[in-house]
Amino acid sequence: MKYEIRRQDKVIGITELEGGDPPMGFVFGAVDPTDFYLSGAGKTDWKIYTCDTNEEIASESITIEDLSEEMGEQCIEVTVLVKSAEEYERFFKHHLEAYGKQFS
């Protein structure tokens, strides 16, 4: 599934949020920036939405780390702290299932 990172209703990047840490409530992934992305832009007003259903995922924080300059190639990652366990299960059940399989 793909997710849009938005700032002031403009899509600044697309991510698959391919990684997750369910016990801590985090999801993370590489970001494919759009023309509206500005490296070093303020962290205010960032929101994350599902591309399929256009639903906002309630989050405590969204952090974008851009190491492109240091790496010499595009290297942008996002980390999202999901607001609640219920919200995490609703949108990231696949991360919960993968985490559970580690112990069975």
PDB file of N, CA and C in Angstrom:
ATOM      1  N   MET A   1       0.843  -1.169   0.000  1.00  0.00           N
ATOM      2  CA  MET A   1       0.000   0.000   0.000  1.00  0.00           C
ATOM      3  C   MET A   1       0.898   1.245   0.000  1.00  0.00           C
ATOM      4  N   LYS A   2       0.407   2.294  -0.597  1.00  0.00           N
ATOM      5  CA  LYS A   2       1.151   3.547  -0.639  1.00  0.00           C
ATOM      6  C   LYS A   2       0.453   4.610   0.197  1.00  0.00           C
ATOM      7  N   TYR A   3       1.264   5.530   0.680  1.00  0.00           N
ATOM      8  CA  TYR A   3       0.780   6.601   1.552  1.00  0.00           C
ATOM      9  C   TYR A   3       1.321   7.933   1.063  1.00  0.00           C
ATOM     10  N   GLU A   4       0.512   8.977   1.217  1.00  0.00           N
ATOM     11  CA  GLU A   4       0.927  10.325   0.849  1.00  0.00           C
ATOM     12  C   GLU A   4       1.277  11.116   2.097  1.00  0.00           C
ATOM     13  N   ILE A   5       2.386  11.817   2.027  1.00  0.00           N
ATOM     14  CA  ILE A   5       2.750  12.764   3.080  1.00  0.00           C
ATOM     15  C   ILE A   5       2.326  14.127   2.560  1.00  0.00           C
ATOM     16  N   ARG A   6       1.491  14.801   3.326  1.00  0.00           N
ATOM     17  CA  ARG A   6       0.967  16.088   2.874  1.00  0.00           C
ATOM     18  C   ARG A   6       1.338  17.195   3.847  1.00  0.00           C
ATOM     19  N   ARG A   7       1.502  18.363   3.276  1.00  0.00           N
ATOM     20  CA  ARG A   7       1.711  19.580   4.058  1.00  0.00           C
ATOM     21  C   ARG A   7       0.851  20.649   3.425  1.00  0.00           C
ATOM     22  N   GLN A   8      -0.071  21.194   4.205  1.00  0.00           N
ATOM     23  CA  GLN A   8      -0.998  22.215   3.717  1.00  0.00           C
ATOM     24  C   GLN A   8      -1.713  21.737   2.455  1.00  0.00           C
ATOM     25  N   ASP A   9      -2.207  20.511   2.484  1.00  0.00           N
ATOM     26  CA  ASP A   9      -2.977  19.882   1.404  1.00  0.00           C
ATOM     27  C   ASP A   9      -2.201  19.661   0.106  1.00  0.00           C
ATOM     28  N   LYS A  10      -0.879  19.765   0.146  1.00  0.00           N
ATOM     29  CA  LYS A  10      -0.051  19.451  -1.016  1.00  0.00           C
ATOM     30  C   LYS A  10       0.744  18.195  -0.708  1.00  0.00           C
ATOM     31  N   VAL A  11       0.755  17.273  -1.653  1.00  0.00           N
ATOM     32  CA  VAL A  11       1.502  16.025  -1.469  1.00  0.00           C
ATOM     33  C   VAL A  11       2.986  16.337  -1.648  1.00  0.00           C
ATOM     34  N   ILE A  12       3.757  16.139  -0.576  1.00  0.00           N
ATOM     35  CA  ILE A  12       5.191  16.402  -0.652  1.00  0.00           C
ATOM     36  C   ILE A  12       5.999  15.129  -0.905  1.00  0.00           C
ATOM     37  N   GLY A  13       5.359  13.965  -0.704  1.00  0.00           N
ATOM     38  CA  GLY A  13       6.073  12.712  -0.929  1.00  0.00           C
ATOM     39  C   GLY A  13       5.156  11.511  -0.842  1.00  0.00           C
ATOM     40  N   ILE A  14       5.615  10.421  -1.420  1.00  0.00           N
ATOM     41  CA  ILE A  14       4.902   9.137  -1.403  1.00  0.00           C
ATOM     42  C   ILE A  14       5.819   8.125  -0.731  1.00  0.00           C
ATOM     43  N   THR A  15       5.232   7.272   0.105  1.00  0.00           N
ATOM     44  CA  THR A  15       5.998   6.236   0.792  1.00  0.00           C
ATOM     45  C   THR A  15       5.173   4.961   0.887  1.00  0.00           C
ATOM     46  N   GLU A  16       5.848   3.848   1.042  1.00  0.00           N
ATOM     47  CA  GLU A  16       5.159   2.577   1.273  1.00  0.00           C
ATOM     48  C   GLU A  16       5.170   2.201   2.748  1.00  0.00           C
ATOM     49  N   LEU A  17       5.846   2.978   3.573  1.00  0.00           N
ATOM     50  CA  LEU A  17       5.964   2.673   5.003  1.00  0.00           C
ATOM     51  C   LEU A  17       6.226   1.182   5.191  1.00  0.00           C
ATOM     52  N   GLU A  18       7.291   0.733   4.539  1.00  0.00           N
ATOM     53  CA  GLU A  18       7.589  -0.697   4.491  1.00  0.00           C
ATOM     54  C   GLU A  18       8.105  -1.288   5.789  1.00  0.00           C
ATOM     55  N   GLY A  19       8.509  -0.467   6.718  1.00  0.00           N
ATOM     56  CA  GLY A  19       8.996  -0.970   7.995  1.00  0.00           C
ATOM     57  C   GLY A  19       8.075  -0.593   9.136  1.00  0.00           C
ATOM     58  N   GLY A  20       8.128  -1.379  10.199  1.00  0.00           N
ATOM     59  CA  GLY A  20       7.296  -1.077  11.352  1.00  0.00           C
ATOM     60  C   GLY A  20       7.885  -1.614  12.635  1.00  0.00           C
ATOM     61  N   ASP A  21       7.563  -0.948  13.724  1.00  0.00           N
ATOM     62  CA  ASP A  21       7.921  -1.374  15.079  1.00  0.00           C
ATOM     63  C   ASP A  21       6.637  -1.304  15.901  1.00  0.00           C
ATOM     64  N   PRO A  22       5.780  -2.341  15.783  1.00  0.00           N
ATOM     65  CA  PRO A  22       4.476  -2.307  16.446  1.00  0.00           C
ATOM     66  C   PRO A  22       4.506  -2.023  17.946  1.00  0.00           C
ATOM     67  N   PRO A  23       5.407  -2.633  18.744  1.00  0.00           N
ATOM     68  CA  PRO A  23       5.378  -2.341  20.177  1.00  0.00           C
ATOM     69  C   PRO A  23       5.597  -0.859  20.493  1.00  0.00           C
ATOM     70  N   MET A  24       6.383  -0.189  19.676  1.00  0.00           N
ATOM     71  CA  MET A  24       6.673   1.222  19.899  1.00  0.00           C
ATOM     72  C   MET A  24       5.686   2.142  19.165  1.00  0.00           C
ATOM     73  N   GLY A  25       4.926   1.592  18.202  1.00  0.00           N
ATOM     74  CA  GLY A  25       3.941   2.386  17.477  1.00  0.00           C
ATOM     75  C   GLY A  25       4.479   3.132  16.272  1.00  0.00           C
ATOM     76  N   PHE A  26       5.654   2.739  15.783  1.00  0.00           N
ATOM     77  CA  PHE A  26       6.271   3.430  14.647  1.00  0.00           C
ATOM     78  C   PHE A  26       6.089   2.668  13.342  1.00  0.00           C
ATOM     79  N   VAL A  27       5.981   3.417  12.250  1.00  0.00           N
ATOM     80  CA  VAL A  27       6.108   2.898  10.894  1.00  0.00           C
ATOM     81  C   VAL A  27       7.093   3.824  10.182  1.00  0.00           C
ATOM     82  N   PHE A  28       7.798   3.271   9.195  1.00  0.00           N
ATOM     83  CA  PHE A  28       8.812   4.076   8.527  1.00  0.00           C
ATOM     84  C   PHE A  28       9.062   3.545   7.132  1.00  0.00           C
ATOM     85  N   GLY A  29       9.674   4.397   6.294  1.00  0.00           N
ATOM     86  CA  GLY A  29       9.984   3.972   4.943  1.00  0.00           C
ATOM     87  C   GLY A  29      10.651   5.050   4.124  1.00  0.00           C
ATOM     88  N   ALA A  30      11.092   4.650   2.946  1.00  0.00           N
ATOM     89  CA  ALA A  30      11.708   5.572   1.998  1.00  0.00           C
ATOM     90  C   ALA A  30      10.639   6.493   1.430  1.00  0.00           C
ATOM     91  N   VAL A  31      11.059   7.705   1.081  1.00  0.00           N
ATOM     92  CA  VAL A  31      10.142   8.703   0.530  1.00  0.00           C
ATOM     93  C   VAL A  31      10.542   9.024  -0.905  1.00  0.00           C
ATOM     94  N   ASP A  32       9.553   9.011  -1.786  1.00  0.00           N
ATOM     95  CA  ASP A  32       9.725   9.484  -3.150  1.00  0.00           C
ATOM     96  C   ASP A  32       9.144  10.897  -3.171  1.00  0.00           C
ATOM     97  N   PRO A  33       9.987  11.923  -3.201  1.00  0.00           N
ATOM     98  CA  PRO A  33       9.489  13.292  -3.085  1.00  0.00           C
ATOM     99  C   PRO A  33       8.774  13.773  -4.345  1.00  0.00           C
ATOM    100  N   THR A  34       7.860  14.717  -4.168  1.00  0.00           N
ATOM    101  CA  THR A  34       7.196  15.364  -5.292  1.00  0.00           C
ATOM    102  C   THR A  34       7.830  16.741  -5.489  1.00  0.00           C
ATOM    103  N   ASP A  35       7.312  17.490  -6.445  1.00  0.00           N
ATOM    104  CA  ASP A  35       7.816  18.847  -6.704  1.00  0.00           C
ATOM    105  C   ASP A  35       7.559  19.786  -5.526  1.00  0.00           C
ATOM    106  N   PHE A  36       6.635  19.427  -4.631  1.00  0.00           N
ATOM    107  CA  PHE A  36       6.318  20.270  -3.478  1.00  0.00           C
ATOM    108  C   PHE A  36       7.242  20.024  -2.282  1.00  0.00           C
ATOM    109  N   TYR A  37       8.094  19.009  -2.384  1.00  0.00           N
ATOM    110  CA  TYR A  37       9.020  18.695  -1.293  1.00  0.00           C
ATOM    111  C   TYR A  37      10.146  19.716  -1.248  1.00  0.00           C
ATOM    112  N   LEU A  38      10.442  20.205  -0.058  1.00  0.00           N
ATOM    113  CA  LEU A  38      11.574  21.102   0.156  1.00  0.00           C
ATOM    114  C   LEU A  38      12.415  20.528   1.292  1.00  0.00           C
ATOM    115  N   SER A  39      13.644  20.194   1.011  1.00  0.00           N
ATOM    116  CA  SER A  39      14.531  19.680   2.043  1.00  0.00           C
ATOM    117  C   SER A  39      14.699  20.732   3.133  1.00  0.00           C
ATOM    118  N   GLY A  40      14.580  20.314   4.369  1.00  0.00           N
ATOM    119  CA  GLY A  40      14.751  21.224   5.494  1.00  0.00           C
ATOM    120  C   GLY A  40      13.527  22.059   5.812  1.00  0.00           C
ATOM    121  N   ALA A  41      12.404  21.800   5.125  1.00  0.00           N
ATOM    122  CA  ALA A  41      11.181  22.554   5.409  1.00  0.00           C
ATOM    123  C   ALA A  41      10.707  22.247   6.828  1.00  0.00           C
ATOM    124  N   GLY A  42       9.993  23.167   7.437  1.00  0.00           N
ATOM    125  CA  GLY A  42       9.496  22.988   8.800  1.00  0.00           C
ATOM    126  C   GLY A  42       8.672  21.728   8.960  1.00  0.00           C
ATOM    127  N   LYS A  43       8.584  21.262  10.193  1.00  0.00           N
ATOM    128  CA  LYS A  43       7.888  20.012  10.484  1.00  0.00           C
ATOM    129  C   LYS A  43       6.413  20.217  10.806  1.00  0.00           C
ATOM    130  N   THR A  44       5.916  21.400  10.679  1.00  0.00           N
ATOM    131  CA  THR A  44       4.531  21.651  11.050  1.00  0.00           C
ATOM    132  C   THR A  44       3.577  21.269   9.930  1.00  0.00           C
ATOM    133  N   ASP A  45       2.402  20.896  10.330  1.00  0.00           N
ATOM    134  CA  ASP A  45       1.301  20.606   9.400  1.00  0.00           C
ATOM    135  C   ASP A  45       1.508  19.382   8.515  1.00  0.00           C
ATOM    136  N   TRP A  46       2.441  18.494   8.842  1.00  0.00           N
ATOM    137  CA  TRP A  46       2.586  17.276   8.061  1.00  0.00           C
ATOM    138  C   TRP A  46       1.526  16.287   8.492  1.00  0.00           C
ATOM    139  N   LYS A  47       0.934  15.640   7.506  1.00  0.00           N
ATOM    140  CA  LYS A  47      -0.073  14.606   7.761  1.00  0.00           C
ATOM    141  C   LYS A  47       0.182  13.462   6.807  1.00  0.00           C
ATOM    142  N   ILE A  48      -0.352  12.292   7.151  1.00  0.00           N
ATOM    143  CA  ILE A  48      -0.167  11.123   6.298  1.00  0.00           C
ATOM    144  C   ILE A  48      -1.525  10.526   5.965  1.00  0.00           C
ATOM    145  N   TYR A  49      -1.704  10.149   4.705  1.00  0.00           N
ATOM    146  CA  TYR A  49      -2.973   9.631   4.194  1.00  0.00           C
ATOM    147  C   TYR A  49      -2.724   8.357   3.398  1.00  0.00           C
ATOM    148  N   THR A  50      -3.727   7.482   3.387  1.00  0.00           N
ATOM    149  CA  THR A  50      -3.660   6.308   2.524  1.00  0.00           C
ATOM    150  C   THR A  50      -3.969   6.757   1.099  1.00  0.00           C
ATOM    151  N   CYS A  51      -3.251   6.231   0.137  1.00  0.00           N
ATOM    152  CA  CYS A  51      -3.522   6.586  -1.259  1.00  0.00           C
ATOM    153  C   CYS A  51      -4.818   5.953  -1.744  1.00  0.00           C
ATOM    154  N   ASP A  52      -5.108   4.730  -1.290  1.00  0.00           N
ATOM    155  CA  ASP A  52      -6.292   4.009  -1.768  1.00  0.00           C
ATOM    156  C   ASP A  52      -7.602   4.658  -1.331  1.00  0.00           C
ATOM    157  N   THR A  53      -7.695   5.012  -0.048  1.00  0.00           N
ATOM    158  CA  THR A  53      -8.974   5.487   0.491  1.00  0.00           C
ATOM    159  C   THR A  53      -8.954   6.957   0.892  1.00  0.00           C
ATOM    160  N   ASN A  54      -7.793   7.595   0.801  1.00  0.00           N
ATOM    161  CA  ASN A  54      -7.645   9.013   1.160  1.00  0.00           C
ATOM    162  C   ASN A  54      -7.997   9.289   2.620  1.00  0.00           C
ATOM    163  N   GLU A  55      -7.764   8.304   3.493  1.00  0.00           N
ATOM    164  CA  GLU A  55      -8.034   8.481   4.925  1.00  0.00           C
ATOM    165  C   GLU A  55      -6.783   8.986   5.620  1.00  0.00           C
ATOM    166  N   GLU A  56      -6.972   9.947   6.514  1.00  0.00           N
ATOM    167  CA  GLU A  56      -5.853  10.429   7.308  1.00  0.00           C
ATOM    168  C   GLU A  56      -5.559   9.423   8.418  1.00  0.00           C
ATOM    169  N   ILE A  57      -4.292   9.155   8.637  1.00  0.00           N
ATOM    170  CA  ILE A  57      -3.857   8.279   9.725  1.00  0.00           C
ATOM    171  C   ILE A  57      -3.448   9.182  10.882  1.00  0.00           C
ATOM    172  N   ALA A  58      -4.135   9.040  12.006  1.00  0.00           N
ATOM    173  CA  ALA A  58      -3.825   9.883  13.168  1.00  0.00           C
ATOM    174  C   ALA A  58      -2.421   9.565  13.666  1.00  0.00           C
ATOM    175  N   SER A  59      -1.618  10.612  13.832  1.00  0.00           N
ATOM    176  CA  SER A  59      -0.238  10.404  14.262  1.00  0.00           C
ATOM    177  C   SER A  59       0.147  11.404  15.335  1.00  0.00           C
ATOM    178  N   GLU A  60       1.107  10.996  16.162  1.00  0.00           N
ATOM    179  CA  GLU A  60       1.682  11.869  17.184  1.00  0.00           C
ATOM    180  C   GLU A  60       2.783  12.731  16.586  1.00  0.00           C
ATOM    181  N   SER A  61       3.561  12.135  15.662  1.00  0.00           N
ATOM    182  CA  SER A  61       4.634  12.892  15.015  1.00  0.00           C
ATOM    183  C   SER A  61       4.984  12.252  13.681  1.00  0.00           C
ATOM    184  N   ILE A  62       5.495  13.087  12.798  1.00  0.00           N
ATOM    185  CA  ILE A  62       6.009  12.655  11.498  1.00  0.00           C
ATOM    186  C   ILE A  62       7.357  13.341  11.325  1.00  0.00           C
ATOM    187  N   THR A  63       8.394  12.531  11.119  1.00  0.00           N
ATOM    188  CA  THR A  63       9.739  13.066  10.966  1.00  0.00           C
ATOM    189  C   THR A  63      10.294  12.629   9.617  1.00  0.00           C
ATOM    190  N   ILE A  64      10.816  13.585   8.872  1.00  0.00           N
ATOM    191  CA  ILE A  64      11.460  13.281   7.595  1.00  0.00           C
ATOM    192  C   ILE A  64      12.945  13.585   7.734  1.00  0.00           C
ATOM    193  N   GLU A  65      13.745  12.594   7.373  1.00  0.00           N
ATOM    194  CA  GLU A  65      15.196  12.757   7.414  1.00  0.00           C
ATOM    195  C   GLU A  65      15.724  12.680   5.986  1.00  0.00           C
ATOM    196  N   ASP A  66      16.370  13.734   5.547  1.00  0.00           N
ATOM    197  CA  ASP A  66      16.907  13.807   4.186  1.00  0.00           C
ATOM    198  C   ASP A  66      18.430  13.798   4.250  1.00  0.00           C
ATOM    199  N   LEU A  67      19.010  12.665   3.880  1.00  0.00           N
ATOM    200  CA  LEU A  67      20.468  12.511   3.873  1.00  0.00           C
ATOM    201  C   LEU A  67      21.027  12.515   2.455  1.00  0.00           C
ATOM    202  N   SER A  68      20.262  13.054   1.524  1.00  0.00           N
ATOM    203  CA  SER A  68      20.660  13.033   0.109  1.00  0.00           C
ATOM    204  C   SER A  68      21.997  13.716  -0.125  1.00  0.00           C
ATOM    205  N   GLU A  69      22.198  14.857   0.494  1.00  0.00           N
ATOM    206  CA  GLU A  69      23.451  15.589   0.291  1.00  0.00           C
ATOM    207  C   GLU A  69      24.648  14.782   0.790  1.00  0.00           C
ATOM    208  N   GLU A  70      24.505  14.207   1.983  1.00  0.00           N
ATOM    209  CA  GLU A  70      25.593  13.414   2.564  1.00  0.00           C
ATOM    210  C   GLU A  70      25.861  12.134   1.779  1.00  0.00           C
ATOM    211  N   MET A  71      24.811  11.522   1.243  1.00  0.00           N
ATOM    212  CA  MET A  71      24.947  10.244   0.547  1.00  0.00           C
ATOM    213  C   MET A  71      25.315  10.411  -0.931  1.00  0.00           C
ATOM    214  N   GLY A  72      25.117  11.606  -1.483  1.00  0.00           N
ATOM    215  CA  GLY A  72      25.412  11.822  -2.893  1.00  0.00           C
ATOM    216  C   GLY A  72      24.355  11.269  -3.830  1.00  0.00           C
ATOM    217  N   GLU A  73      23.221  10.871  -3.297  1.00  0.00           N
ATOM    218  CA  GLU A  73      22.080  10.379  -4.068  1.00  0.00           C
ATOM    219  C   GLU A  73      20.829  10.561  -3.213  1.00  0.00           C
ATOM    220  N   GLN A  74      19.678  10.432  -3.842  1.00  0.00           N
ATOM    221  CA  GLN A  74      18.450  10.624  -3.089  1.00  0.00           C
ATOM    222  C   GLN A  74      18.337   9.613  -1.958  1.00  0.00           C
ATOM    223  N   CYS A  75      18.179  10.102  -0.744  1.00  0.00           N
ATOM    224  CA  CYS A  75      18.053   9.253   0.444  1.00  0.00           C
ATOM    225  C   CYS A  75      17.176   9.992   1.452  1.00  0.00           C
ATOM    226  N   ILE A  76      15.871   9.791   1.330  1.00  0.00           N
ATOM    227  CA  ILE A  76      14.898  10.476   2.180  1.00  0.00           C
ATOM    228  C   ILE A  76      14.037   9.412   2.854  1.00  0.00           C
ATOM    229  N   GLU A  77      13.898   9.510   4.172  1.00  0.00           N
ATOM    230  CA  GLU A  77      13.095   8.550   4.917  1.00  0.00           C
ATOM    231  C   GLU A  77      12.133   9.273   5.846  1.00  0.00           C
ATOM    232  N   VAL A  78      11.005   8.630   6.086  1.00  0.00           N
ATOM    233  CA  VAL A  78      10.001   9.179   6.992  1.00  0.00           C
ATOM    234  C   VAL A  78       9.772   8.183   8.123  1.00  0.00           C
ATOM    235  N   THR A  79       9.550   8.720   9.316  1.00  0.00           N
ATOM    236  CA  THR A  79       9.175   7.923  10.483  1.00  0.00           C
ATOM    237  C   THR A  79       7.913   8.532  11.061  1.00  0.00           C
ATOM    238  N   VAL A  80       6.907   7.685  11.278  1.00  0.00           N
ATOM    239  CA  VAL A  80       5.612   8.138  11.790  1.00  0.00           C
ATOM    240  C   VAL A  80       5.339   7.426  13.113  1.00  0.00           C
ATOM    241  N   LEU A  81       5.009   8.194  14.133  1.00  0.00           N
ATOM    242  CA  LEU A  81       4.539   7.632  15.392  1.00  0.00           C
ATOM    243  C   LEU A  81       3.021   7.667  15.343  1.00  0.00           C
ATOM    244  N   VAL A  82       2.423   6.497  15.202  1.00  0.00           N
ATOM    245  CA  VAL A  82       0.969   6.381  15.084  1.00  0.00           C
ATOM    246  C   VAL A  82       0.337   6.680  16.435  1.00  0.00           C
ATOM    247  N   LYS A  83      -0.803   7.363  16.409  1.00  0.00           N
ATOM    248  CA  LYS A  83      -1.421   7.908  17.624  1.00  0.00           C
ATOM    249  C   LYS A  83      -1.887   6.846  18.621  1.00  0.00           C
ATOM    250  N   SER A  84      -2.395   5.707  18.139  1.00  0.00           N
ATOM    251  CA  SER A  84      -2.932   4.711  19.074  1.00  0.00           C
ATOM    252  C   SER A  84      -2.734   3.299  18.538  1.00  0.00           C
ATOM    253  N   ALA A  85      -2.843   2.335  19.431  1.00  0.00           N
ATOM    254  CA  ALA A  85      -2.747   0.922  19.037  1.00  0.00           C
ATOM    255  C   ALA A  85      -3.880   0.560  18.090  1.00  0.00           C
ATOM    256  N   GLU A  86      -5.050   1.133  18.313  1.00  0.00           N
ATOM    257  CA  GLU A  86      -6.203   0.859  17.449  1.00  0.00           C
ATOM    258  C   GLU A  86      -5.946   1.387  16.034  1.00  0.00           C
ATOM    259  N   GLU A  87      -5.375   2.572  15.944  1.00  0.00           N
ATOM    260  CA  GLU A  87      -5.062   3.165  14.643  1.00  0.00           C
ATOM    261  C   GLU A  87      -3.980   2.338  13.946  1.00  0.00           C
ATOM    262  N   TYR A  88      -3.004   1.883  14.694  1.00  0.00           N
ATOM    263  CA  TYR A  88      -1.926   1.053  14.140  1.00  0.00           C
ATOM    264  C   TYR A  88      -2.512  -0.233  13.568  1.00  0.00           C
ATOM    265  N   GLU A  89      -3.370  -0.881  14.336  1.00  0.00           N
ATOM    266  CA  GLU A  89      -3.970  -2.128  13.861  1.00  0.00           C
ATOM    267  C   GLU A  89      -4.840  -1.902  12.634  1.00  0.00           C
ATOM    268  N   ARG A  90      -5.544  -0.811  12.595  1.00  0.00           N
ATOM    269  CA  ARG A  90      -6.433  -0.505  11.468  1.00  0.00           C
ATOM    270  C   ARG A  90      -5.670  -0.331  10.160  1.00  0.00           C
ATOM    271  N   PHE A  91      -4.549   0.395  10.204  1.00  0.00           N
ATOM    272  CA  PHE A  91      -3.832   0.716   8.980  1.00  0.00           C
ATOM    273  C   PHE A  91      -2.579  -0.125   8.736  1.00  0.00           C
ATOM    274  N   PHE A  92      -2.033  -0.726   9.770  1.00  0.00           N
ATOM    275  CA  PHE A  92      -0.761  -1.438   9.627  1.00  0.00           C
ATOM    276  C   PHE A  92      -0.819  -2.849  10.212  1.00  0.00           C
ATOM    277  N   LYS A  93      -1.922  -3.515   9.994  1.00  0.00           N
ATOM    278  CA  LYS A  93      -2.104  -4.876  10.497  1.00  0.00           C
ATOM    279  C   LYS A  93      -1.001  -5.805   9.969  1.00  0.00           C
ATOM    280  N   HIS A  94      -0.538  -5.563   8.754  1.00  0.00           N
ATOM    281  CA  HIS A  94       0.518  -6.402   8.170  1.00  0.00           C
ATOM    282  C   HIS A  94       1.813  -6.318   8.983  1.00  0.00           C
ATOM    283  N   HIS A  95       2.100  -5.162   9.572  1.00  0.00           N
ATOM    284  CA  HIS A  95       3.289  -5.054  10.426  1.00  0.00           C
ATOM    285  C   HIS A  95       3.081  -5.819  11.738  1.00  0.00           C
ATOM    286  N   LEU A  96       1.871  -5.765  12.272  1.00  0.00           N
ATOM    287  CA  LEU A  96       1.556  -6.519  13.487  1.00  0.00           C
ATOM    288  C   LEU A  96       1.695  -8.020  13.240  1.00  0.00           C
ATOM    289  N   GLU A  97       1.184  -8.488  12.108  1.00  0.00           N
ATOM    290  CA  GLU A  97       1.258  -9.907  11.782  1.00  0.00           C
ATOM    291  C   GLU A  97       2.705 -10.357  11.586  1.00  0.00           C
ATOM    292  N   ALA A  98       3.501  -9.566  10.892  1.00  0.00           N
ATOM    293  CA  ALA A  98       4.914  -9.907  10.690  1.00  0.00           C
ATOM    294  C   ALA A  98       5.658  -9.951  12.022  1.00  0.00           C
ATOM    295  N   TYR A  99       5.337  -9.017  12.893  1.00  0.00           N
ATOM    296  CA  TYR A  99       5.969  -8.995  14.212  1.00  0.00           C
ATOM    297  C   TYR A  99       5.595 -10.246  15.013  1.00  0.00           C
ATOM    298  N   GLY A 100       4.328 -10.612  14.973  1.00  0.00           N
ATOM    299  CA  GLY A 100       3.864 -11.800  15.695  1.00  0.00           C
ATOM    300  C   GLY A 100       4.484 -13.089  15.197  1.00  0.00           C
ATOM    301  N   LYS A 101       4.750 -13.175  13.901  1.00  0.00           N
ATOM    302  CA  LYS A 101       5.349 -14.395  13.320  1.00  0.00           C
ATOM    303  C   LYS A 101       6.765 -14.629  13.809  1.00  0.00           C
ATOM    304  N   GLN A 102       7.419 -13.593  14.280  1.00  0.00           N
ATOM    305  CA  GLN A 102       8.787 -13.765  14.801  1.00  0.00           C
ATOM    306  C   GLN A 102       8.814 -14.659  16.028  1.00  0.00           C
ATOM    307  N   PHE A 103       7.687 -14.772  16.715  1.00  0.00           N
ATOM    308  CA  PHE A 103       7.640 -15.481  17.989  1.00  0.00           C
ATOM    309  C   PHE A 103       6.862 -16.797  17.921  1.00  0.00           C
ATOM    310  N   SER A 104       6.454 -17.186  16.722  1.00  0.00           N
ATOM    311  CA  SER A 104       5.698 -18.442  16.620  1.00  0.00           C
ATOM    312  C   SER A 104       6.414 -19.469  15.799  1.00  0.00           C
TER     313      SER A 104
END
